[in-house]
Protein backbone atom coordinates (compact mmCIF):
# COMPACT_ATOMS: atom_id res chain seq x y z
CA UNK A 1 0.01 0.22 0.13
CA UNK A 2 1.49 3.53 -1.28
CA UNK A 3 2.28 6.34 1.53
CA UNK A 4 -0.64 8.67 1.85
CA UNK A 5 0.17 11.65 0.99
CA UNK A 6 0.55 14.56 3.51
CA UNK A 7 -1.93 17.37 4.49
CA UNK A 8 0.16 20.02 4.43
CA UNK A 9 4.00 21.06 3.57
CA UNK A 10 6.95 22.13 5.26
CA UNK A 11 5.94 24.58 7.82
CA UNK A 12 7.27 28.38 8.27
CA UNK A 13 10.50 27.16 11.00
CA UNK A 14 11.19 24.53 9.00
CA UNK A 15 11.73 26.32 5.74
CA UNK A 16 13.30 29.37 7.81
CA UNK A 17 15.82 27.25 9.41
CA UNK A 18 16.71 24.79 6.57
CA UNK A 19 17.05 27.58 3.52
CA UNK A 20 20.12 29.25 3.15
CA UNK A 21 21.99 32.10 5.50
CA UNK A 22 21.24 34.55 2.61
CA UNK A 23 17.93 33.52 2.56
CA UNK A 24 17.43 33.76 6.40
CA UNK A 25 19.44 37.83 6.44
CA UNK A 26 17.10 38.88 3.20
CA UNK A 27 13.79 38.00 6.03
CA UNK A 28 14.99 39.55 8.88
CA UNK A 29 16.84 41.70 7.09
CA UNK A 30 12.50 43.19 6.00
CA UNK A 31 12.10 43.20 9.85
CA UNK A 32 14.32 45.75 11.01
CA UNK A 33 13.69 47.71 7.87
CA UNK A 34 9.75 48.12 8.36
CA UNK A 35 10.50 48.65 12.39
CA UNK A 36 12.65 51.63 11.26
CA UNK A 37 9.97 52.81 8.60
CA UNK A 38 9.49 55.87 10.17
CA UNK A 39 9.57 58.26 7.50
CA UNK A 40 5.95 57.27 5.81
CA UNK A 41 3.92 57.58 8.94
CA UNK A 42 5.48 60.55 10.72
CA UNK A 43 6.15 63.22 7.40
CA UNK A 44 3.40 65.20 7.67
CA UNK A 45 3.38 65.61 11.18
CA UNK A 46 6.94 66.84 11.04
CA UNK A 47 6.84 69.29 8.03
CA UNK A 48 3.70 70.64 9.89
CA UNK A 49 5.59 70.82 13.01
CA UNK A 50 7.73 73.16 10.66
CA UNK A 51 5.32 75.33 9.37
CA UNK A 52 4.49 74.19 6.56
CA UNK A 53 0.67 74.34 5.52
CA UNK A 54 -1.12 71.03 5.42
CA UNK A 55 -1.28 71.22 1.56
CA UNK A 56 2.67 70.87 1.56
CA UNK A 57 2.69 68.27 3.79
CA UNK A 58 0.11 66.17 1.75
CA UNK A 59 2.72 66.76 -1.72
CA UNK A 60 6.04 65.61 0.02
CA UNK A 61 4.39 62.84 1.61
CA UNK A 62 2.77 62.07 -2.26
CA UNK A 63 6.81 62.50 -3.96
CA UNK A 64 7.02 59.85 -1.58
CA UNK A 65 5.32 57.45 -2.75
CA UNK A 66 5.80 58.96 -6.37
CA UNK A 67 9.58 57.81 -5.28
CA UNK A 68 9.29 54.04 -4.05
CA UNK A 69 7.21 53.34 -6.94
CA UNK A 70 10.11 54.14 -9.20
CA UNK A 71 12.23 52.74 -7.15
CA UNK A 72 11.15 49.43 -7.53
CA UNK A 73 10.99 50.17 -11.48
CA UNK A 74 14.84 51.24 -11.42
CA UNK A 75 15.48 48.37 -8.87
CA UNK A 76 14.29 46.10 -11.10
CA UNK A 77 16.32 46.90 -14.04
CA UNK A 78 19.40 46.91 -12.04
CA UNK A 79 18.79 43.49 -9.83
CA UNK A 80 20.90 41.45 -12.18
CA UNK A 81 24.00 43.81 -12.90
CA UNK A 82 24.37 44.48 -9.28
CA UNK A 83 22.70 41.92 -7.31
CA UNK A 84 21.06 41.19 -4.09
CA UNK A 85 23.98 42.41 -1.79
CA UNK A 86 25.30 45.66 -3.79
CA UNK A 87 21.14 46.49 -4.50
CA UNK A 88 20.59 46.31 -0.88
CA UNK A 89 23.48 48.33 0.51
CA UNK A 90 23.40 50.83 -2.56
CA UNK A 91 19.09 51.46 -1.35
CA UNK A 92 20.01 51.57 2.57
CA UNK A 93 23.21 54.01 2.54
CA UNK A 94 21.70 55.73 0.03
CA UNK A 95 18.79 56.73 1.86
CA UNK A 96 20.66 57.04 5.23
CA UNK A 97 22.48 59.91 3.60
CA UNK A 98 18.80 61.67 2.43
CA UNK A 99 17.10 61.08 5.66
CA UNK A 100 19.64 62.94 7.06
CA UNK A 101 19.53 65.97 4.56
CA UNK A 102 15.88 65.71 5.10
CA UNK A 103 15.80 66.45 8.51
CA UNK A 104 18.68 69.66 8.05
CA UNK A 105 17.75 71.11 4.48
CA UNK A 106 15.40 74.45 5.17
CA UNK A 107 14.61 74.86 1.48
CA UNK A 108 10.89 73.17 0.75
CA UNK A 109 11.61 71.67 -2.68
CA UNK A 110 14.99 70.99 -1.29
CA UNK A 111 12.71 68.90 1.02
CA UNK A 112 11.03 66.97 -1.13
CA UNK A 113 13.24 66.18 -3.55
CA UNK A 114 14.90 64.53 -0.89
CA UNK A 115 11.75 63.10 0.30
CA UNK A 116 10.97 61.78 -3.22
CA UNK A 117 14.56 59.53 -3.69
CA UNK A 118 14.65 58.89 -0.17
CA UNK A 119 11.37 57.03 -1.45
CA UNK A 120 12.99 55.73 -4.64
CA UNK A 121 16.52 54.39 -2.94
CA UNK A 122 14.42 52.61 -0.18
CA UNK A 123 12.96 50.71 -2.69
CA UNK A 124 15.36 49.96 -5.46
CA UNK A 125 16.36 46.52 -3.24
CA UNK A 126 13.33 44.93 -3.17
CA UNK A 127 13.20 43.03 -6.65
CA UNK A 128 16.91 41.91 -6.21
CA UNK A 129 16.41 40.26 -2.36
CA UNK A 130 13.09 38.84 -3.56
CA UNK A 131 14.44 36.95 -7.17
CA UNK A 132 17.10 36.01 -4.34
CA UNK A 133 14.47 34.05 -1.92
CA UNK A 134 12.86 33.18 -5.18
CA UNK A 135 16.31 31.51 -6.61
CA UNK A 136 18.05 30.48 -3.63
CA UNK A 137 14.42 28.37 -2.21
CA UNK A 138 12.89 25.51 -3.94
CA UNK A 139 9.83 25.73 -6.11
CA UNK A 140 8.03 23.51 -3.03
CA UNK A 141 8.64 25.89 -0.11
CA UNK A 142 8.75 29.44 -2.47
CA UNK A 143 4.62 30.08 -1.10
CA UNK A 144 6.03 29.62 2.45
CA UNK A 145 8.79 31.54 2.35
CA UNK A 146 7.79 34.46 1.11
CA UNK A 147 4.57 33.83 3.80
CA UNK A 148 7.27 34.45 6.11
CA UNK A 149 8.25 37.51 3.89
CA UNK A 150 4.77 39.07 4.47
CA UNK A 151 5.13 38.31 8.22
CA UNK A 152 7.65 40.16 9.23
CA UNK A 153 5.88 43.13 6.57
CA UNK A 154 3.86 42.71 8.44
CA UNK A 155 5.45 42.54 12.14
CA UNK A 156 7.26 45.48 11.22
CA UNK A 157 4.34 47.91 10.06
CA UNK A 158 2.65 46.78 13.32
CA UNK A 159 5.40 47.70 15.30
CA UNK A 160 7.20 50.89 13.68
CA UNK A 161 4.49 53.98 14.67
CA UNK A 162 5.37 52.50 18.74
CA UNK A 163 8.76 52.19 18.45
CA UNK A 164 8.83 55.40 16.22
CA UNK A 165 6.42 57.20 18.91
CA UNK A 166 9.42 55.99 22.02
CA UNK A 167 11.73 58.13 19.94
CA UNK A 168 10.01 61.38 19.32
CA UNK A 169 9.56 61.31 23.26
CA UNK A 170 12.77 60.06 24.23
CA UNK A 171 14.02 62.86 21.64
CA UNK A 172 11.91 65.65 23.75
CA UNK A 173 8.65 65.48 21.43
CA UNK A 174 11.61 66.06 18.28
CA UNK A 175 11.93 64.37 15.12
CA UNK A 176 15.44 64.11 15.37
CA UNK A 177 15.57 60.65 16.84
CA UNK A 178 13.39 59.35 14.57
CA UNK A 179 15.41 60.66 11.45
CA UNK A 180 18.82 59.43 12.16
CA UNK A 181 16.91 56.01 13.92
CA UNK A 182 15.81 55.07 11.01
CA UNK A 183 18.73 56.13 8.88
CA UNK A 184 20.69 53.38 11.83
CA UNK A 185 18.44 51.32 10.70
CA UNK A 186 18.98 51.50 7.36
CA UNK A 187 22.91 51.16 7.65
CA UNK A 188 22.56 48.40 9.96
CA UNK A 189 20.54 46.49 7.13
CA UNK A 190 23.38 47.46 4.98
CA UNK A 191 25.97 46.37 7.49
CA UNK A 192 23.75 42.50 6.96
CA UNK A 193 23.13 42.56 3.37
CA UNK A 194 27.14 43.06 2.74
CA UNK A 195 27.98 40.14 5.07
CA UNK A 196 25.80 37.80 4.51
CA UNK A 197 24.02 38.29 1.08
CA UNK A 198 26.43 36.77 -2.55
CA UNK A 199 27.27 39.57 -4.84
CA UNK A 200 26.06 38.78 -7.64
CA UNK A 201 22.75 36.77 -7.70
CA UNK A 202 23.32 32.48 -9.04
CA UNK A 203 21.76 32.80 -12.28
CA UNK A 204 20.88 29.14 -14.21
CA UNK A 205 21.87 27.85 -17.81
CA UNK A 206 18.72 29.81 -18.88
CA UNK A 207 20.00 32.83 -17.83
CA UNK A 208 23.98 31.75 -19.19
CA UNK A 209 22.15 31.69 -22.51
CA UNK A 210 19.68 34.39 -22.42
CA UNK A 211 22.23 36.91 -21.31
CA UNK A 212 24.22 36.72 -25.18
CA UNK A 213 20.81 38.56 -25.76
CA UNK A 214 20.28 41.80 -24.07
CA UNK A 215 17.07 42.07 -25.19
CA UNK A 216 15.88 39.17 -22.25
CA UNK A 217 16.69 41.50 -19.80
CA UNK A 218 13.88 44.40 -21.17
CA UNK A 219 10.64 45.29 -19.21
CA UNK A 220 9.46 44.37 -22.90
CA UNK A 221 9.89 41.13 -22.49
CA UNK A 222 7.55 41.09 -19.59
CA UNK A 223 5.06 42.83 -21.67
CA UNK A 224 5.17 40.01 -23.58
CA UNK A 225 3.97 37.35 -22.02
CA UNK A 226 0.00 38.72 -22.26
CA UNK A 227 -1.26 35.62 -19.62
CA UNK A 228 1.19 37.42 -16.89
CA UNK A 229 -0.12 41.43 -17.74
CA UNK A 230 -3.89 39.68 -17.22
CA UNK A 231 -2.10 39.03 -13.89
CA UNK A 232 -0.52 42.59 -13.37
CA UNK A 233 -4.09 44.46 -14.66
CA UNK A 234 -5.89 41.89 -12.13
CA UNK A 235 -3.30 42.77 -9.78
CA UNK A 236 -3.37 46.62 -9.10
CA UNK A 237 -6.90 46.40 -9.53
CA UNK A 238 -6.97 43.72 -6.88
CA UNK A 239 -5.10 46.42 -4.35
CA UNK A 240 -7.21 48.90 -5.54
CA UNK A 241 -10.01 47.37 -3.60
CA UNK A 242 -8.00 46.47 -1.01
CA UNK A 243 -7.05 49.65 0.04
CA UNK A 244 -10.56 50.81 0.22
CA UNK A 245 -10.81 49.97 3.62
CA UNK A 246 -8.34 52.59 4.39
CA UNK A 247 -9.58 55.26 2.77
CA UNK A 248 -13.32 55.11 2.07
CA UNK A 249 -14.98 53.49 4.48
CA UNK A 250 -13.36 55.95 7.38
CA UNK A 251 -15.15 57.92 5.23
CA UNK A 252 -18.49 56.38 4.89
CA UNK A 253 -18.75 55.86 8.53
CA UNK A 254 -18.37 59.08 8.99
CA UNK A 255 -20.97 59.60 6.74
CA UNK A 256 -23.42 57.72 8.16
CA UNK A 257 -23.05 57.83 11.34
CA UNK A 258 -21.97 54.43 12.41
CA UNK A 259 -19.50 53.89 15.86
CA UNK A 260 -15.88 54.81 14.90
CA UNK A 261 -15.47 51.75 17.18
CA UNK A 262 -16.51 49.28 15.14
CA UNK A 263 -13.93 50.58 11.97
CA UNK A 264 -10.81 50.23 14.56
CA UNK A 265 -12.15 47.18 16.18
CA UNK A 266 -12.26 45.66 12.61
CA UNK A 267 -9.29 47.03 11.84
CA UNK A 268 -7.34 45.65 14.76
CA UNK A 269 -9.03 42.24 13.77
CA UNK A 270 -7.73 42.22 10.77
CA UNK A 271 -3.78 42.72 12.09
CA UNK A 272 -4.59 40.33 14.37
CA UNK A 273 -5.76 37.68 11.91
CA UNK A 274 -3.13 37.96 9.38
CA UNK A 275 0.24 37.86 12.06
CA UNK A 276 -1.30 35.02 13.41
CA UNK A 277 -3.21 32.63 11.23
CA UNK A 278 -1.40 33.24 7.33
CA UNK A 279 1.86 31.02 8.12
CA UNK A 280 -0.03 28.41 9.91
CA UNK A 281 -3.13 27.94 6.48
CA UNK A 282 0.10 28.86 4.11
CA UNK A 283 1.00 25.14 5.32
CA UNK A 284 -1.90 24.03 3.86
CA UNK A 285 -2.99 26.49 1.11
CA UNK A 286 1.40 26.00 -0.63
CA UNK A 287 -0.23 22.89 -2.08
CA UNK A 288 -2.97 24.09 -3.69
CA UNK A 289 -2.94 25.09 -7.03
CA UNK A 290 -1.77 28.30 -7.57
CA UNK A 291 -4.94 29.74 -10.20
CA UNK A 292 -6.78 28.14 -7.38
CA UNK A 293 -5.42 29.49 -4.56
CA UNK A 294 -5.03 33.02 -6.14
CA UNK A 295 -8.54 33.35 -7.78
CA UNK A 296 -10.29 32.91 -3.93
CA UNK A 297 -7.67 35.78 -2.48
CA UNK A 298 -9.21 37.79 -5.84
CA UNK A 299 -12.73 36.70 -5.43
CA UNK A 300 -12.92 36.85 -1.32
CA UNK A 301 -11.28 40.39 -1.32
CA UNK A 302 -13.50 41.91 -3.61
CA UNK A 303 -16.33 40.19 -2.31
CA UNK A 304 -15.53 41.76 1.15
CA UNK A 305 -15.33 44.65 0.09
CA UNK A 306 -18.75 44.57 -1.82
CA UNK A 307 -19.93 44.03 1.49
CA UNK A 308 -19.65 47.40 2.63
CA UNK A 309 -22.34 48.31 0.27
CA UNK A 310 -24.69 46.61 2.40
CA UNK A 311 -26.59 49.14 5.20
CA UNK A 312 -23.60 50.07 6.75
CA UNK A 313 -23.18 48.87 10.84
CA UNK A 314 -21.62 46.89 13.05
CA UNK A 315 -21.68 43.80 11.45
CA UNK A 316 -21.41 44.88 7.99
CA UNK A 317 -18.56 45.68 9.15
CA UNK A 318 -17.22 43.15 10.96
CA UNK A 319 -18.68 40.36 8.38
CA UNK A 320 -16.80 42.60 5.47
CA UNK A 321 -13.60 42.84 6.84
CA UNK A 322 -13.58 39.18 7.91
CA UNK A 323 -14.08 37.96 4.86
CA UNK A 324 -11.87 39.86 2.60
CA UNK A 325 -9.08 38.99 5.35
CA UNK A 326 -9.92 35.62 4.82
CA UNK A 327 -8.46 36.33 1.47
CA UNK A 328 -5.78 38.87 2.17
CA UNK A 329 -4.47 35.29 4.21
CA UNK A 330 -5.36 32.66 1.95
CA UNK A 331 -3.30 34.89 -0.90
CA UNK A 332 -1.24 36.98 -0.18
CA UNK A 333 1.47 34.32 0.22
CA UNK A 334 0.94 32.43 -3.07
CA UNK A 335 0.31 36.04 -5.30
CA UNK A 336 3.89 36.80 -4.17
CA UNK A 337 5.80 34.18 -4.60
CA UNK A 338 4.21 33.23 -8.19
CA UNK A 339 6.25 36.31 -10.27
CA UNK A 340 8.85 33.65 -9.19
CA UNK A 341 7.89 30.43 -9.83
CA UNK A 342 6.16 31.30 -13.24
CA UNK A 343 9.11 33.74 -14.84
CA UNK A 344 12.25 32.64 -17.03
CA UNK A 345 15.59 32.63 -14.81
CA UNK A 346 16.61 35.98 -16.42
CA UNK A 347 13.77 37.97 -16.22
CA UNK A 348 12.71 36.95 -11.95
CA UNK A 349 13.49 40.11 -11.10
CA UNK A 350 11.72 41.52 -14.11
CA UNK A 351 8.43 39.94 -13.13
CA UNK A 352 8.66 40.61 -9.82
CA UNK A 353 9.68 44.14 -10.08
CA UNK A 354 6.28 44.50 -12.04
CA UNK A 355 4.16 42.24 -9.89
CA UNK A 356 5.91 44.71 -7.32
CA UNK A 357 5.02 48.10 -8.98
CA UNK A 358 1.29 47.16 -9.39
CA UNK A 359 0.68 46.61 -6.17
CA UNK A 360 2.46 49.52 -5.04
CA UNK A 361 0.89 51.76 -7.21
CA UNK A 362 -2.78 50.15 -6.73
CA UNK A 363 -2.38 50.67 -2.76
CA UNK A 364 -1.27 54.52 -3.98
CA UNK A 365 -3.94 55.28 -6.13
CA UNK A 366 -6.37 53.48 -4.25
CA UNK A 367 -7.25 56.00 -2.12
CA UNK A 368 -7.37 58.82 -4.54
CA UNK A 369 -9.70 57.04 -6.43
CA UNK A 370 -12.07 55.95 -3.79
CA UNK A 371 -11.88 59.01 -2.60
CA UNK A 372 -13.23 61.27 -5.85
CA UNK A 373 -15.71 58.50 -6.42
CA UNK A 374 -16.93 58.43 -2.82
CA UNK A 375 -17.47 62.20 -3.12
CA UNK A 376 -19.52 61.66 -6.36
CA UNK A 377 -21.27 58.85 -5.20
CA UNK A 378 -20.72 58.36 -0.89
CA UNK A 379 -22.44 54.56 -0.40
CA UNK A 380 -22.74 54.18 -4.01
CA UNK A 381 -19.78 53.54 -4.20
CA UNK A 382 -19.47 49.96 -3.35
CA UNK A 383 -21.26 48.69 -6.30
CA UNK A 384 -18.68 49.96 -7.76
CA UNK A 385 -16.02 47.72 -6.05
CA UNK A 386 -18.20 45.24 -6.40
CA UNK A 387 -17.76 45.90 -10.24
CA UNK A 388 -13.71 45.91 -9.80
CA UNK A 389 -13.58 42.59 -8.10
CA UNK A 390 -15.32 41.00 -10.69
CA UNK A 391 -13.14 42.45 -13.08
CA UNK A 392 -9.78 41.14 -11.15
CA UNK A 393 -11.27 37.51 -10.54
CA UNK A 394 -11.44 37.33 -14.07
CA UNK A 395 -8.44 38.48 -14.94
CA UNK A 396 -6.99 37.26 -12.55
CA UNK A 397 -7.97 33.55 -13.29
CA UNK A 398 -7.09 34.74 -16.88
CA UNK A 399 -3.61 35.44 -16.07
CA UNK A 400 -2.51 32.63 -13.71
CA UNK A 401 -0.52 29.74 -15.54
CA UNK A 402 -2.86 26.41 -14.04
CA UNK A 403 1.19 25.80 -11.56
CA UNK A 404 1.28 23.59 -8.69
CA UNK A 405 4.22 24.69 -6.53
CA UNK A 406 5.25 20.96 -5.64
CA UNK A 407 5.35 19.84 -8.86
CA UNK A 408 7.22 22.91 -9.90
CA UNK A 409 10.01 21.65 -7.88
CA UNK A 410 10.34 18.38 -9.91
CA UNK A 411 9.75 19.90 -13.17
CA UNK A 412 13.59 21.95 -13.92
CA UNK A 413 10.92 23.57 -17.00
CA UNK A 414 8.69 24.88 -15.18
CA UNK A 415 10.84 27.68 -14.26
CA UNK A 416 11.85 28.43 -17.80
CA UNK A 417 10.74 29.95 -20.33
CA UNK A 418 7.06 30.48 -20.19
CA UNK A 419 4.67 28.75 -22.55
CA UNK A 420 1.78 29.49 -24.18
CA UNK A 421 -1.15 27.69 -22.78
CA UNK A 422 -5.24 27.60 -23.48
CA UNK A 423 -7.07 29.00 -20.82
């Protein structure tokens, strides 16, 4: 009698402890980096405290976001040339120097320019780091390792405001320690990367063959993969939908007269569930076919946000949040791992940075789109969100190749040049 298949794949602890040192360093670096990400949280407060208007502060914050989007593109283009170690050292040391400049300059245009460059430098390393994770992790463990990556992001993002406020208090209600603290954290990450990461990503045979043809590293090569472009469009739409709980929902709560306690509770519940449940659930879902997992995630995120279109009250807010939170923890690790699983070796960083670009852009423009629609439609904005949800789910299912990580691990062709398939 044959052995029964395991009900779940490798757990988070086994995945982490059995990973190479470079993978451990990247995962630890995510937490370190996010713990010190004070600028995006306190920039508006800092600038208004210095006497700048709310509009000027908001413009600077928008510039920081635009710089982050540009940094992802630049990082994807430089990833193969620099490698994860050099990209991280450049990214962190450059942002550390610019952070100090933001604090000490007094010209508003120079402040804005410095903030934009901080955003750019802070994200240059991400495509190369994510590509390194994908290259050094077996295909059957990539969903789990990106689940750990997401846990680091979420933990750092959750604890960062409290740490920043502590430094603010420690600095006598001044912002100097925040800027210097973030700069020190960036330098610490640069030192960690220099000591532990390989100088260049280790390209496989496919990458070596591709090196002879410069066009193989172009973003145009990514755009020729029509199915992956569908996935990118779906990811953009999904990120726009996802961001509505942070922007449009509180506006609707205030207009409807619902006690803000229920909104605050829903956001807190989301954070607790994502941190506590995502990795244990990923132990099971990492064995599922990618198309099923990601398709369910697209659908559940859209359904949960669309639920806010019901007569707004405590139950609707909590139930809607629980539904899209399920979609987030079900599909988040898989969607972050998918670009590396499907990309040709030489284009891993480009595929990954394209996805990161869509996700970053969606969360940046989502609040703007939602705010404009809410001004016109008020509570009627949620049926529009539902339409976006259908759109993102359909494009997501069409754009994802029906691969399964455990099969890809045994198939050396699974990570070579993508081939056209029927839906």
